[in-house]
Amino acid sequence: MSYFDAASAAPLHPVARQALQASLDEGWADPARLYREGRRARLLLDAAREAAADAVGCRADELVFTSSGTRAVHSGIAGALAGRRRVGRHLIVSAVEHSSVFHSAEVHEADGGTLTQVPVERTGAVSVEAYAAALRPDTALACLQSANHEVGTEQPVAEVAEVCRAAGVPLLVDAAQSLGWGRVEGDWSLLTASAHKWGGPSGVGLLVVRKGVRFAPQGPADERESGRAAGFENIPGIVAAAAALRAVRAEAAEEAARLRELTDRIRVRVPELVPDVEVVGDPARRVPGIVTFSCLYVDGETLLHELDRAGFSVSSGSSCTSSTLTPSHVLKAMGVLSEGNVRVSLPPGTPEEDVDRFLSVLPGTVSAVREKLGAPAEVTKTPAASDTLVVNALGKRCPIPVIELAKVIGDVPVGGTVRVLSDDEAARLDIPAWCEMRGQEYVGEEPADHGSAYVVRRVS
């Protein structure tokens, strides 16, 4: 079995396993106590904090450990907003942040705050100019991930931090996907991360608040972790997390080059091996192990199941899954194809032969799924019967509306149109993406009695 979903959770690093087992024996006591066992636990906790702070590039007293990366995000955003409430209640986030950021933003808006979402380019990156334009006199906080969790695109954090600093606005960076590869550069103010992303145990996150940043912890007061993370510290987990971070950093330069070569191979070979595929994300400015592509005429859930049966564990941001009927907010914000989406995220140590085997298995797997769904092999160019056709795809889910469009586009003359009636949210994204991939003109979306009508003009 080949595990290709490290962006969700990386396998436990061997060093983390060793540190976890050792600290279970030494770090079980209360580090706030003055007796021998408590002092021993405190020494382990302090050493782990020093190691993590060194990896982040901050002072040890600026870093606290939390129960998860999500908790770090929630606490960081809430505390920073509360600390700057006198300045204003305006929050800035990018359109591709992790869901934990958006959940915090929802709470902020429900409490009367205001929110600006900064759009991204088709590569998934924000522009520094867009962040600068979003800043206002009442902006309390800006948030920006260091690298995207679905497509791997790195963000211009240092440049955005400079703009925010000039405006007197703190920048919170979600560094979950990049911290294992290196420090986040720039004059950021707050940073969050999660240990299970770099090979540490789950249940350990970290929150960094730079000195001088106005911060008011929310919730009941607690004396632990500077009052910013309530509850008894998970010392064995924290020790293992810090050990894993130090270990992966020591291997990062060599392993990054190796994984980048493997993901580059996937980016190049998949479009050559599989027709009607869109590889998404920035081709150069991205973290080493992530590559994402989307396949036309494919049910994402079925594709993932078939790849699992073939021995590959991958993830998907496709709308065609049992867990959601709407496209990934990341793919939607980028304006790229969402159907048949596959995210390959390689953990450190992935053998080259596993990637080659994946590339050999993928074409047949995609072809089989398309055949089951009745997808067209190519656009049929038959004598035109009508200048306008209507495809009723109401009640049909991704990728059926696009498949039915592809089947009839050849039945209208060049210049003729096809109106696709659909109530599937994914159609709003996938039909324009199909037009761009197949060289047809997307006219636009029109209201209909049920759902929407997506109008496509045949170009060739």
Protein backbone atom coordinates (compact mmCIF):
# COMPACT_ATOMS: atom_id res chain seq x y z
CA MET A 1 0.00 0.00 0.00
CA SER A 2 1.33 3.47 -0.93
CA TYR A 3 0.27 6.28 1.39
CA PHE A 4 0.02 9.51 -0.61
CA ASP A 5 -1.93 11.74 1.81
CA ALA A 6 0.78 13.34 3.94
CA ALA A 7 -0.88 16.77 3.63
CA SER A 8 -3.67 15.42 5.84
CA ALA A 9 -1.42 13.58 8.26
CA ALA A 10 2.18 12.48 7.83
CA PRO A 11 3.22 9.06 9.14
CA LEU A 12 4.79 9.19 12.60
CA HIS A 13 8.50 9.87 12.24
CA PRO A 14 10.76 7.16 13.80
CA VAL A 15 12.40 9.80 15.99
CA ALA A 16 8.97 10.91 17.23
CA ARG A 17 8.09 7.33 18.09
CA GLN A 18 11.27 6.92 20.13
CA ALA A 19 10.81 10.25 21.91
CA LEU A 20 7.18 9.46 22.66
CA GLN A 21 7.99 6.13 24.24
CA ALA A 22 10.83 7.60 26.31
CA SER A 23 8.82 10.58 27.55
CA LEU A 24 5.90 8.39 28.59
CA ASP A 25 8.19 7.11 31.32
CA GLU A 26 9.75 10.47 32.21
CA GLY A 27 7.14 13.13 31.44
CA TRP A 28 3.92 11.93 33.04
CA ALA A 29 3.97 14.18 36.12
CA ASP A 30 2.59 17.70 36.54
CA PRO A 31 5.28 20.16 35.32
CA ALA A 32 3.89 22.84 37.64
CA ARG A 33 4.90 20.85 40.75
CA LEU A 34 8.17 21.28 42.60
CA TYR A 35 8.92 17.68 43.51
CA ARG A 36 11.37 15.52 41.56
CA GLU A 37 8.89 14.05 39.05
CA GLY A 38 7.38 17.47 38.38
CA ARG A 39 10.81 19.06 37.86
CA ARG A 40 11.73 16.27 35.43
CA ALA A 41 8.52 16.85 33.45
CA ARG A 42 9.21 20.61 33.43
CA LEU A 43 12.69 20.05 32.04
CA LEU A 44 11.25 17.96 29.18
CA LEU A 45 8.59 20.58 28.44
CA ASP A 46 11.08 23.46 28.48
CA ALA A 47 13.53 21.59 26.23
CA ALA A 48 10.75 20.82 23.74
CA ARG A 49 9.68 24.47 23.75
CA GLU A 50 13.24 25.62 23.10
CA ALA A 51 13.62 23.16 20.22
CA ALA A 52 10.30 24.17 18.64
CA ALA A 53 11.08 27.88 19.04
CA ASP A 54 14.44 27.39 17.37
CA ALA A 55 12.73 25.65 14.44
CA VAL A 56 10.16 28.44 14.11
CA GLY A 57 12.66 31.26 14.63
CA CYS A 58 11.07 32.86 17.68
CA ARG A 59 11.71 33.24 21.41
CA ALA A 60 10.74 30.32 23.63
CA ASP A 61 8.47 32.55 25.72
CA GLU A 62 6.54 33.52 22.55
CA LEU A 63 5.50 29.91 21.84
CA VAL A 64 2.80 27.86 23.54
CA PHE A 65 1.61 24.34 22.83
CA THR A 66 -2.07 23.69 22.10
CA SER A 67 -4.23 20.60 21.73
CA SER A 68 -4.22 20.87 17.90
CA GLY A 69 -3.41 23.14 14.98
CA THR A 70 -7.09 24.01 14.73
CA ARG A 71 -7.17 25.08 18.37
CA ALA A 72 -4.07 27.19 17.75
CA VAL A 73 -5.81 28.96 14.84
CA HIS A 74 -9.01 29.54 16.82
CA SER A 75 -7.12 30.84 19.88
CA GLY A 76 -4.76 32.95 17.80
CA ILE A 77 -7.46 34.70 15.80
CA ALA A 78 -9.77 35.23 18.77
CA GLY A 79 -6.98 36.56 21.00
CA ALA A 80 -5.56 38.89 18.37
CA LEU A 81 -8.98 40.30 17.47
CA ALA A 82 -9.84 40.85 21.13
CA GLY A 83 -6.49 42.48 21.81
CA ARG A 84 -7.05 45.03 19.04
CA ARG A 85 -10.77 45.62 19.52
CA ARG A 86 -10.20 49.33 20.15
CA VAL A 87 -8.60 49.64 16.70
CA GLY A 88 -11.55 48.03 14.93
CA ARG A 89 -13.27 44.76 14.10
CA HIS A 90 -12.20 44.18 10.51
CA LEU A 91 -10.60 40.82 9.65
CA ILE A 92 -8.80 39.94 6.40
CA VAL A 93 -8.32 36.36 5.16
CA SER A 94 -7.43 34.84 1.81
CA ALA A 95 -10.08 32.91 -0.11
CA VAL A 96 -8.09 29.66 0.21
CA GLU A 97 -7.40 29.51 3.95
CA HIS A 98 -7.89 26.32 5.94
CA SER A 99 -11.44 25.76 7.17
CA SER A 100 -10.35 26.50 10.76
CA VAL A 101 -9.70 30.12 9.73
CA PHE A 102 -13.10 30.41 8.08
CA HIS A 103 -14.84 28.93 11.12
CA SER A 104 -13.19 31.60 13.28
CA ALA A 105 -14.21 34.24 10.74
CA GLU A 106 -17.83 33.05 10.90
CA VAL A 107 -17.86 33.47 14.68
CA HIS A 108 -16.31 36.93 14.28
CA GLU A 109 -18.99 38.01 11.79
CA ALA A 110 -21.79 36.58 13.92
CA ASP A 111 -20.49 38.74 16.78
CA GLY A 112 -20.72 41.89 14.65
CA GLY A 113 -17.28 41.95 13.07
CA THR A 114 -16.56 42.54 9.39
CA LEU A 115 -14.63 40.33 6.99
CA THR A 116 -12.78 40.75 3.69
CA GLN A 117 -11.80 37.71 1.64
CA VAL A 118 -8.86 38.40 -0.65
CA PRO A 119 -9.23 36.53 -3.99
CA VAL A 120 -6.50 34.38 -5.48
CA GLU A 121 -5.09 33.90 -8.96
CA ARG A 122 -5.67 30.70 -10.92
CA THR A 123 -2.47 29.28 -9.38
CA GLY A 124 -3.95 29.70 -5.89
CA ALA A 125 -1.68 32.58 -4.86
CA VAL A 126 -2.78 35.96 -3.55
CA SER A 127 -1.28 39.19 -4.80
CA VAL A 128 0.42 41.55 -2.40
CA GLU A 129 -1.49 44.42 -4.00
CA ALA A 130 -4.82 42.75 -3.17
CA TYR A 131 -3.87 42.44 0.49
CA ALA A 132 -2.71 46.05 0.55
CA ALA A 133 -6.02 47.17 -0.98
CA ALA A 134 -7.99 45.23 1.65
CA LEU A 135 -6.31 46.99 4.60
CA ARG A 136 -8.44 49.61 6.34
CA PRO A 137 -8.01 51.92 9.34
CA ASP A 138 -10.22 49.55 11.38
CA THR A 139 -8.39 46.35 10.35
CA ALA A 140 -7.57 44.39 13.49
CA LEU A 141 -5.93 41.32 11.96
CA ALA A 142 -4.92 39.75 8.66
CA CYS A 143 -4.48 36.00 8.09
CA LEU A 144 -2.51 34.21 5.38
CA GLN A 145 -1.40 30.59 5.09
CA SER A 146 2.22 29.95 4.21
CA ALA A 147 1.28 27.18 1.73
CA ASN A 148 -2.03 25.78 0.60
CA HIS A 149 -3.12 22.42 1.95
CA GLU A 150 -4.93 21.29 -1.23
CA VAL A 151 -2.70 22.41 -4.10
CA GLY A 152 0.63 23.19 -2.40
CA THR A 153 0.95 26.78 -3.66
CA GLU A 154 3.19 28.93 -1.48
CA GLN A 155 2.00 32.41 -0.59
CA PRO A 156 4.06 35.63 -0.60
CA VAL A 157 4.04 35.80 3.19
CA ALA A 158 7.13 38.00 3.62
CA GLU A 159 5.81 40.61 1.18
CA VAL A 160 2.31 40.62 2.70
CA ALA A 161 3.80 40.85 6.20
CA GLU A 162 5.77 43.92 5.13
CA VAL A 163 2.62 45.61 3.83
CA CYS A 164 0.72 44.72 7.00
CA ARG A 165 3.56 45.92 9.25
CA ALA A 166 3.64 49.26 7.45
CA ALA A 167 -0.09 49.62 8.14
CA GLY A 168 0.31 48.59 11.79
CA VAL A 169 -1.74 45.41 11.31
CA PRO A 170 -0.57 42.05 12.72
CA LEU A 171 -0.39 39.11 10.32
CA LEU A 172 -1.27 35.59 11.50
CA VAL A 173 0.36 32.85 9.41
CA ASP A 174 -1.00 29.30 9.28
CA ALA A 175 2.24 27.41 8.69
CA ALA A 176 0.84 23.88 8.99
CA GLN A 177 1.90 22.74 5.51
CA SER A 178 5.32 24.39 5.38
CA LEU A 179 6.91 24.43 8.83
CA GLY A 180 8.40 20.96 8.40
CA TRP A 181 10.33 22.25 5.37
CA GLY A 182 11.68 25.45 6.87
CA ARG A 183 11.05 28.68 8.73
CA VAL A 184 8.42 31.12 7.54
CA GLU A 185 10.27 34.21 6.40
CA GLY A 186 9.06 37.73 6.95
CA ASP A 187 7.99 40.01 9.78
CA TRP A 188 4.82 38.12 10.71
CA SER A 189 3.17 38.63 14.11
CA LEU A 190 1.47 35.31 14.93
CA LEU A 191 2.01 31.78 13.66
CA THR A 192 0.21 28.45 14.05
CA ALA A 193 1.10 24.89 13.10
CA SER A 194 0.17 21.26 13.78
CA ALA A 195 2.57 18.43 14.65
CA HIS A 196 0.82 15.70 12.67
CA LYS A 197 1.67 17.56 9.46
CA TRP A 198 5.43 17.02 9.94
CA GLY A 199 5.48 13.51 11.38
CA GLY A 200 4.74 14.31 15.01
CA PRO A 201 1.82 12.82 16.94
CA SER A 202 -1.69 14.13 16.51
CA GLY A 203 -3.11 16.28 19.30
CA VAL A 204 -0.23 18.79 19.45
CA GLY A 205 -0.33 22.24 17.91
CA LEU A 206 1.66 25.38 18.49
CA LEU A 207 0.81 29.06 18.66
CA VAL A 208 3.41 31.83 18.47
CA VAL A 209 2.58 35.39 19.49
CA ARG A 210 5.45 37.81 18.96
CA LYS A 211 6.37 40.22 21.75
CA GLY A 212 4.61 43.52 21.33
CA VAL A 213 1.50 42.07 19.65
CA ARG A 214 -1.64 43.05 21.50
CA PHE A 215 -3.26 39.75 22.49
CA ALA A 216 -6.11 38.98 24.90
CA PRO A 217 -6.70 35.25 25.48
CA GLN A 218 -10.36 34.34 25.28
CA GLY A 219 -12.28 31.89 27.45
CA PRO A 220 -11.85 31.09 31.14
CA ALA A 221 -8.47 32.00 32.60
CA ASP A 222 -5.89 29.25 32.98
CA GLU A 223 -2.40 29.49 34.43
CA ARG A 224 -0.83 27.02 31.99
CA GLU A 225 0.93 27.96 28.73
CA SER A 226 0.95 31.68 29.54
CA GLY A 227 -2.83 31.57 29.81
CA ARG A 228 -3.15 30.97 26.06
CA ALA A 229 -3.83 27.21 26.06
CA ALA A 230 -5.89 25.82 28.88
CA GLY A 231 -5.41 22.35 30.32
CA PHE A 232 -2.71 19.92 31.36
CA GLU A 233 0.13 19.81 28.82
CA ASN A 234 0.49 16.62 26.79
CA ILE A 235 4.18 16.37 27.57
CA PRO A 236 4.92 13.06 25.78
CA GLY A 237 3.17 14.34 22.67
CA ILE A 238 4.91 17.71 22.87
CA VAL A 239 8.34 16.12 23.28
CA ALA A 240 7.69 13.81 20.33
CA ALA A 241 6.42 16.72 18.21
CA ALA A 242 9.53 18.81 18.88
CA ALA A 243 11.81 15.84 18.22
CA ALA A 244 10.06 15.10 14.93
CA LEU A 245 10.28 18.74 13.82
CA ARG A 246 14.00 18.82 14.55
CA ALA A 247 14.50 15.51 12.70
CA VAL A 248 12.58 16.46 9.55
CA ARG A 249 14.35 19.81 9.41
CA ALA A 250 17.70 18.02 9.42
CA GLU A 251 16.57 16.01 6.39
CA ALA A 252 14.57 18.79 4.73
CA ALA A 253 16.97 20.09 2.07
CA GLU A 254 17.82 16.70 0.60
CA GLU A 255 14.31 15.28 0.90
CA ALA A 256 12.68 18.41 -0.55
CA ALA A 257 14.78 18.12 -3.71
CA ARG A 258 13.93 14.43 -4.07
CA LEU A 259 10.18 14.87 -3.52
CA ARG A 260 10.07 17.89 -5.82
CA GLU A 261 11.52 15.76 -8.60
CA LEU A 262 8.85 13.11 -7.99
CA THR A 263 5.97 15.59 -7.96
CA ASP A 264 7.38 17.28 -11.07
CA ARG A 265 7.29 13.88 -12.72
CA ILE A 266 3.62 13.50 -11.82
CA ARG A 267 2.80 17.03 -13.04
CA VAL A 268 4.37 16.31 -16.43
CA ARG A 269 3.35 12.70 -16.94
CA VAL A 270 -0.31 12.74 -15.86
CA PRO A 271 -1.49 15.04 -18.71
CA GLU A 272 0.52 12.92 -21.15
CA LEU A 273 -0.98 9.66 -19.90
CA VAL A 274 -4.57 10.74 -19.20
CA PRO A 275 -6.59 12.92 -21.61
CA ASP A 276 -8.68 15.85 -20.35
CA VAL A 277 -6.74 16.50 -17.17
CA GLU A 278 -5.99 19.86 -15.54
CA VAL A 279 -2.97 20.05 -13.22
CA VAL A 280 -3.61 22.84 -10.72
CA GLY A 281 -1.49 24.98 -8.39
CA ASP A 282 1.66 26.97 -9.02
CA PRO A 283 4.15 24.85 -11.01
CA ALA A 284 7.20 26.33 -9.26
CA ARG A 285 6.30 28.17 -6.06
CA ARG A 286 4.92 25.25 -4.04
CA VAL A 287 5.85 22.93 -1.20
CA PRO A 288 7.80 19.88 -2.36
CA GLY A 289 5.44 16.96 -1.79
CA ILE A 290 2.04 18.11 -3.09
CA VAL A 291 0.65 17.83 -6.63
CA THR A 292 -3.03 18.12 -7.52
CA PHE A 293 -4.90 17.42 -10.74
CA SER A 294 -8.53 17.12 -11.86
CA CYS A 295 -9.97 14.72 -14.45
CA LEU A 296 -12.94 15.57 -16.64
CA TYR A 297 -15.89 13.15 -16.72
CA VAL A 298 -14.89 11.42 -13.49
CA ASP A 299 -16.73 10.86 -10.22
CA GLY A 300 -14.19 11.82 -7.59
CA GLU A 301 -15.43 9.42 -4.94
CA THR A 302 -15.37 6.46 -7.33
CA LEU A 303 -11.89 7.38 -8.53
CA LEU A 304 -10.56 7.52 -4.97
CA HIS A 305 -12.11 4.15 -4.16
CA GLU A 306 -10.60 2.58 -7.27
CA LEU A 307 -7.17 4.00 -6.49
CA ASP A 308 -7.50 2.70 -2.94
CA ARG A 309 -8.27 -0.76 -4.33
CA ALA A 310 -5.14 -0.46 -6.48
CA GLY A 311 -3.07 0.29 -3.38
CA PHE A 312 -2.90 4.11 -3.31
CA SER A 313 -4.21 6.33 -0.52
CA VAL A 314 -4.90 9.77 -2.00
CA SER A 315 -7.18 12.67 -1.14
CA SER A 316 -9.56 14.87 -3.12
CA GLY A 317 -11.07 18.33 -3.14
CA SER A 318 -13.73 17.17 -5.59
CA SER A 319 -17.39 17.95 -5.07
CA CYS A 320 -18.19 14.41 -6.19
CA THR A 321 -17.80 12.79 -2.79
CA SER A 322 -20.22 11.49 -0.22
CA SER A 323 -19.10 14.07 2.35
CA THR A 324 -20.01 17.17 0.32
CA LEU A 325 -22.12 18.26 -2.63
CA THR A 326 -20.23 21.53 -3.11
CA PRO A 327 -16.76 21.98 -4.62
CA SER A 328 -13.71 22.56 -2.47
CA HIS A 329 -13.60 26.24 -1.52
CA VAL A 330 -9.95 26.25 -2.60
CA LEU A 331 -10.62 24.93 -6.12
CA LYS A 332 -13.66 27.18 -6.38
CA ALA A 333 -11.66 30.27 -5.45
CA MET A 334 -9.01 29.34 -8.01
CA GLY A 335 -11.63 28.87 -10.74
CA VAL A 336 -10.26 25.48 -11.78
CA LEU A 337 -11.88 22.14 -12.54
CA SER A 338 -13.13 20.38 -9.41
CA GLU A 339 -14.55 17.12 -10.71
CA GLY A 340 -12.35 14.05 -10.52
CA ASN A 341 -9.88 15.90 -8.31
CA VAL A 342 -6.89 13.99 -6.91
CA ARG A 343 -4.39 15.38 -4.41
CA VAL A 344 -1.15 13.41 -4.17
CA SER A 345 0.91 14.44 -1.14
CA LEU A 346 4.05 12.39 -0.72
CA PRO A 347 5.47 11.78 2.75
CA PRO A 348 9.24 11.93 3.24
CA GLY A 349 10.85 8.67 2.22
CA THR A 350 8.38 7.85 -0.56
CA PRO A 351 10.10 5.38 -2.91
CA GLU A 352 10.50 6.42 -6.54
CA GLU A 353 9.02 3.10 -7.69
CA ASP A 354 5.77 3.85 -5.84
CA VAL A 355 5.31 6.98 -7.94
CA ASP A 356 6.09 5.09 -11.13
CA ARG A 357 3.56 2.42 -10.21
CA PHE A 358 0.95 5.12 -9.54
CA LEU A 359 1.56 6.58 -12.99
CA SER A 360 1.17 3.14 -14.55
CA VAL A 361 -2.10 2.44 -12.72
CA LEU A 362 -3.78 5.85 -13.07
CA PRO A 363 -4.64 5.86 -16.82
CA GLY A 364 -6.52 2.57 -16.71
CA THR A 365 -8.30 3.55 -13.51
CA VAL A 366 -9.53 6.87 -14.91
CA SER A 367 -10.55 5.21 -18.18
CA ALA A 368 -12.58 2.57 -16.35
CA VAL A 369 -14.42 5.17 -14.26
CA ARG A 370 -15.19 7.25 -17.33
CA GLU A 371 -16.49 4.21 -19.18
CA LYS A 372 -18.85 3.38 -16.31
CA LEU A 373 -20.25 6.91 -16.42
CA GLY A 374 -20.67 6.89 -20.21
CA ALA A 375 -18.23 9.72 -20.80
CA PRO A 376 -17.47 10.61 -24.44
CA ALA A 377 -14.06 9.69 -25.83
CA GLU A 378 -14.06 12.93 -27.84
CA VAL A 379 -16.42 15.64 -29.05
CA THR A 380 -18.57 14.20 -31.82
CA LYS A 381 -18.79 16.50 -34.86
CA THR A 382 -21.99 15.52 -36.63
CA PRO A 383 -24.18 17.53 -39.03
CA ALA A 384 -25.92 20.22 -36.99
CA ALA A 385 -29.57 19.64 -36.23
CA SER A 386 -30.27 22.90 -34.37
CA ASP A 387 -28.62 26.20 -33.53
CA THR A 388 -29.60 25.75 -29.89
CA LEU A 389 -29.90 22.70 -27.67
CA VAL A 390 -31.08 22.36 -24.10
CA VAL A 391 -29.58 19.71 -21.81
CA ASN A 392 -31.72 18.98 -18.76
CA ALA A 393 -29.30 17.82 -16.06
CA LEU A 394 -31.48 18.83 -13.11
CA GLY A 395 -31.10 16.46 -10.20
CA LYS A 396 -27.87 15.00 -11.61
CA ARG A 397 -24.62 15.42 -9.78
CA CYS A 398 -21.03 15.99 -10.85
CA PRO A 399 -19.73 14.93 -13.34
CA ILE A 400 -22.95 14.04 -15.22
CA PRO A 401 -23.87 17.63 -16.33
CA VAL A 402 -20.46 18.05 -17.99
CA ILE A 403 -20.63 14.59 -19.57
CA GLU A 404 -24.03 15.36 -21.10
CA LEU A 405 -22.76 18.71 -22.38
CA ALA A 406 -19.78 17.02 -24.04
CA LYS A 407 -22.03 14.48 -25.75
CA VAL A 408 -24.17 17.11 -27.53
CA ILE A 409 -21.78 19.98 -28.26
CA GLY A 410 -21.16 18.49 -31.71
CA ASP A 411 -24.90 18.54 -32.45
CA VAL A 412 -24.99 22.32 -32.81
CA PRO A 413 -23.20 24.25 -35.59
CA VAL A 414 -20.14 26.38 -34.94
CA GLY A 415 -21.59 29.50 -33.32
CA GLY A 416 -24.56 27.56 -31.93
CA THR A 417 -25.22 27.25 -28.21
CA VAL A 418 -26.01 24.60 -25.63
CA ARG A 419 -27.94 25.51 -22.48
CA VAL A 420 -27.23 23.14 -19.60
CA LEU A 421 -29.87 23.18 -16.87
CA SER A 422 -28.33 22.11 -13.58
CA ASP A 423 -28.92 22.48 -9.86
CA ASP A 424 -25.53 21.03 -8.94
CA GLU A 425 -23.26 23.64 -7.34
CA ALA A 426 -20.22 22.07 -9.01
CA ALA A 427 -21.57 22.90 -12.48
CA ARG A 428 -20.91 26.59 -11.82
CA LEU A 429 -17.22 25.79 -11.70
CA ASP A 430 -16.84 22.73 -13.90
CA ILE A 431 -18.70 23.87 -17.03
CA PRO A 432 -16.50 26.99 -17.50
CA ALA A 433 -13.44 24.82 -16.79
CA TRP A 434 -14.59 22.30 -19.43
CA CYS A 435 -14.99 25.11 -21.96
CA GLU A 436 -11.45 26.34 -21.34
CA MET A 437 -10.02 22.83 -21.61
CA ARG A 438 -11.96 21.95 -24.77
CA GLY A 439 -11.65 25.28 -26.58
CA GLN A 440 -15.34 26.22 -26.40
CA GLU A 441 -16.81 29.57 -25.32
CA TYR A 442 -18.51 29.88 -21.96
CA VAL A 443 -21.19 32.53 -22.45
CA GLY A 444 -22.37 32.68 -18.86
CA GLU A 445 -24.93 31.65 -16.29
CA GLU A 446 -28.60 32.57 -16.55
CA PRO A 447 -31.45 32.17 -14.05
CA ALA A 448 -33.86 29.28 -14.64
CA ASP A 449 -37.08 28.04 -13.04
CA HIS A 450 -35.02 25.42 -11.25
CA GLY A 451 -31.29 25.72 -10.73
CA SER A 452 -29.37 27.67 -13.35
CA ALA A 453 -28.82 27.60 -17.11
CA TYR A 454 -25.18 27.48 -18.20
CA VAL A 455 -24.77 28.68 -21.77
CA VAL A 456 -21.94 27.36 -23.95
CA ARG A 457 -21.19 28.43 -27.54
CA ARG A 458 -19.51 25.99 -29.89
CA VAL A 459 -16.28 27.44 -31.31
CA SER A 460 -14.88 24.46 -33.22
